[in-house]
Amino acid sequence: MNLYKVGKWSGIFYFKKDNPRKIKYILDYQGSTDESYYEIHKSDGWNLNFKTVGSISRWSIWSKEYIDQKPEMYTNDEEILTRAKKILIIHSICFLPILSMGLASTITEIQLLITRGEAYFSFINIILMVEFGNFYINILGYYIRTRKRLLKHK
């Protein structure tokens, strides 16, 4: 299976069957990038498959074909953990306030429903909280898994 397209909102990946090969895909986060970032990875044999154009976070997807041993883009454990922590901090700053406001709004609506028997109950609010919460939990899980994996190696 080969990645041939990333969805418009970067969350859906499209693969197609092709000649069997071993390919390692890396999703890399960089707060800021310049041409040297791309040139360094390309010179090491990595192919750029996708990059975001957002201003808050810059993600890129790289791939590299291999024969025996899976290639690693980053091998410095401290750098890997620093990147995971940076991702967690940025997403905490972005999503925790949104989740807090959504939770407060939902609690207020439930209280109005109980005390007055009426409320404008927004299911959209709940859906957004579930979506943002799920995304944040995945980011937190990534940091925890990365930390555990790297601590095992020490």
Protein backbone atom coordinates (compact mmCIF):
# COMPACT_ATOMS: atom_id res chain seq x y z
CA MET A 1 0.00 0.00 0.00
CA ASN A 2 1.30 3.42 -0.96
CA LEU A 3 0.12 6.81 0.23
CA TYR A 4 -1.04 8.77 -2.78
CA LYS A 5 -3.20 11.51 -1.28
CA VAL A 6 -3.93 13.27 2.00
CA GLY A 7 -7.43 14.64 2.57
CA LYS A 8 -8.16 18.35 2.37
CA TRP A 9 -8.21 18.70 6.16
CA SER A 10 -5.14 16.46 6.65
CA GLY A 11 -7.02 13.81 8.57
CA ILE A 12 -7.77 11.23 5.91
CA PHE A 13 -5.03 9.27 4.18
CA TYR A 14 -5.59 7.54 0.86
CA PHE A 15 -3.56 4.48 -0.05
CA LYS A 16 -3.52 2.38 -3.19
CA LYS A 17 -2.21 -1.06 -3.90
CA ASP A 18 1.00 -1.10 -5.86
CA ASN A 19 4.06 -3.29 -6.21
CA PRO A 20 4.88 -4.74 -2.78
CA ARG A 21 7.59 -2.68 -1.10
CA LYS A 22 8.66 -1.83 2.40
CA ILE A 23 8.04 1.85 3.08
CA LYS A 24 8.38 3.75 6.35
CA TYR A 25 6.09 6.77 6.78
CA ILE A 26 6.86 9.52 9.25
CA LEU A 27 4.49 12.27 10.37
CA ASP A 28 6.79 15.10 11.44
CA TYR A 29 5.82 18.22 13.33
CA GLN A 30 7.85 21.41 12.98
CA GLY A 31 6.85 24.74 14.49
CA SER A 32 8.65 26.57 11.73
CA THR A 33 10.51 25.40 8.66
CA ASP A 34 12.77 26.71 5.98
CA GLU A 35 14.20 25.17 2.83
CA SER A 36 17.13 23.60 4.71
CA TYR A 37 14.70 21.46 6.74
CA TYR A 38 13.35 19.93 3.52
CA GLU A 39 16.75 19.64 1.86
CA ILE A 40 18.31 17.79 4.81
CA HIS A 41 15.63 15.10 4.74
CA LYS A 42 15.56 14.84 0.96
CA SER A 43 19.34 14.43 0.84
CA ASP A 44 18.97 11.54 3.32
CA GLY A 45 16.61 9.77 0.91
CA TRP A 46 13.26 10.81 2.41
CA ASN A 47 10.42 11.75 0.06
CA LEU A 48 8.04 14.55 1.03
CA ASN A 49 4.47 13.29 0.54
CA PHE A 50 2.51 16.11 2.16
CA LYS A 51 2.93 19.32 4.14
CA THR A 52 0.38 21.56 5.82
CA VAL A 53 0.15 25.23 5.06
CA GLY A 54 -1.28 26.24 8.45
CA SER A 55 0.39 28.91 10.50
CA ILE A 56 -0.10 27.37 13.98
CA SER A 57 1.33 23.95 13.32
CA ARG A 58 3.32 22.62 10.42
CA TRP A 59 3.09 18.91 9.73
CA SER A 60 4.76 17.01 6.97
CA ILE A 61 4.55 13.39 5.92
CA TRP A 62 7.74 11.75 4.70
CA SER A 63 8.36 8.30 3.29
CA LYS A 64 11.42 6.20 2.65
CA GLU A 65 11.68 2.83 1.00
CA TYR A 66 13.90 0.27 2.73
CA ILE A 67 14.98 -3.34 2.40
CA ASP A 68 15.89 -4.76 5.82
CA GLN A 69 16.02 -2.25 8.65
CA LYS A 70 13.31 0.41 9.07
CA PRO A 71 14.84 3.86 8.71
CA GLU A 72 14.41 6.47 11.43
CA MET A 73 14.28 10.17 10.69
CA TYR A 74 15.33 11.10 14.22
CA THR A 75 17.52 8.92 16.39
CA ASN A 76 18.28 11.26 19.28
CA ASP A 77 15.92 10.16 22.09
CA GLU A 78 16.07 13.55 23.79
CA GLU A 79 15.11 15.32 20.57
CA ILE A 80 12.21 12.90 19.99
CA LEU A 81 10.85 13.46 23.50
CA THR A 82 11.29 17.23 23.17
CA ARG A 83 9.26 17.18 19.95
CA ALA A 84 6.50 15.10 21.57
CA LYS A 85 6.38 17.48 24.54
CA LYS A 86 6.26 20.51 22.23
CA ILE A 87 3.30 19.02 20.36
CA LEU A 88 1.50 18.33 23.65
CA ILE A 89 2.12 21.87 24.96
CA ILE A 90 0.93 23.58 21.77
CA HIS A 91 -2.22 21.49 21.60
CA SER A 92 -2.86 21.97 25.33
CA ILE A 93 -2.72 25.73 24.84
CA CYS A 94 -5.11 25.47 21.88
CA PHE A 95 -7.60 22.83 23.00
CA LEU A 96 -7.85 22.90 26.80
CA PRO A 97 -9.47 26.37 26.87
CA ILE A 98 -11.96 25.27 24.19
CA LEU A 99 -12.77 22.09 26.13
CA SER A 100 -13.15 24.07 29.38
CA MET A 101 -15.55 26.56 27.79
CA GLY A 102 -17.54 23.77 26.17
CA LEU A 103 -17.78 21.86 29.43
CA ALA A 104 -18.87 24.99 31.34
CA SER A 105 -21.49 25.74 28.70
CA THR A 106 -22.83 22.18 28.77
CA ILE A 107 -23.03 22.17 32.57
CA THR A 108 -24.91 25.50 32.49
CA GLU A 109 -27.36 24.12 29.93
CA ILE A 110 -27.95 20.99 32.00
CA GLN A 111 -28.53 23.09 35.14
CA LEU A 112 -31.07 25.25 33.27
CA LEU A 113 -32.79 22.14 32.00
CA ILE A 114 -33.04 20.70 35.53
CA THR A 115 -34.05 23.89 37.37
CA ARG A 116 -36.33 25.58 34.82
CA GLY A 117 -37.25 22.66 32.64
CA GLU A 118 -36.12 24.56 29.61
CA ALA A 119 -32.86 25.23 27.93
CA TYR A 120 -31.40 25.66 24.54
CA PHE A 121 -29.42 22.46 24.63
CA SER A 122 -26.77 22.39 21.94
CA PHE A 123 -25.79 18.97 20.69
CA ILE A 124 -23.25 20.68 18.47
CA ASN A 125 -21.48 21.77 21.66
CA ILE A 126 -21.31 18.16 22.85
CA ILE A 127 -20.15 16.90 19.46
CA LEU A 128 -17.37 19.51 19.35
CA MET A 129 -16.29 18.65 22.89
CA VAL A 130 -16.12 14.96 22.01
CA GLU A 131 -14.14 15.68 18.83
CA PHE A 132 -11.69 18.10 20.48
CA GLY A 133 -11.44 15.83 23.51
CA ASN A 134 -10.68 12.79 21.35
CA PHE A 135 -8.04 14.70 19.40
CA TYR A 136 -6.43 15.95 22.61
CA ILE A 137 -6.47 12.48 24.18
CA ASN A 138 -4.69 11.13 21.09
CA ILE A 139 -1.99 13.82 21.39
CA LEU A 140 -1.60 13.10 25.11
CA GLY A 141 -1.41 9.36 24.36
CA TYR A 142 1.29 9.99 21.75
CA TYR A 143 3.39 11.87 24.31
CA ILE A 144 2.91 9.18 26.98
CA ARG A 145 3.71 6.31 24.56
CA THR A 146 6.80 8.13 23.28
CA ARG A 147 8.01 8.83 26.80
CA LYS A 148 7.48 5.22 27.94
CA ARG A 149 9.20 3.82 24.83
CA LEU A 150 12.22 6.07 25.28
CA LEU A 151 12.50 5.42 29.01
CA LYS A 152 12.58 1.66 28.30
CA HIS A 153 15.69 2.15 26.15
CA LYS A 154 17.60 3.91 28.92
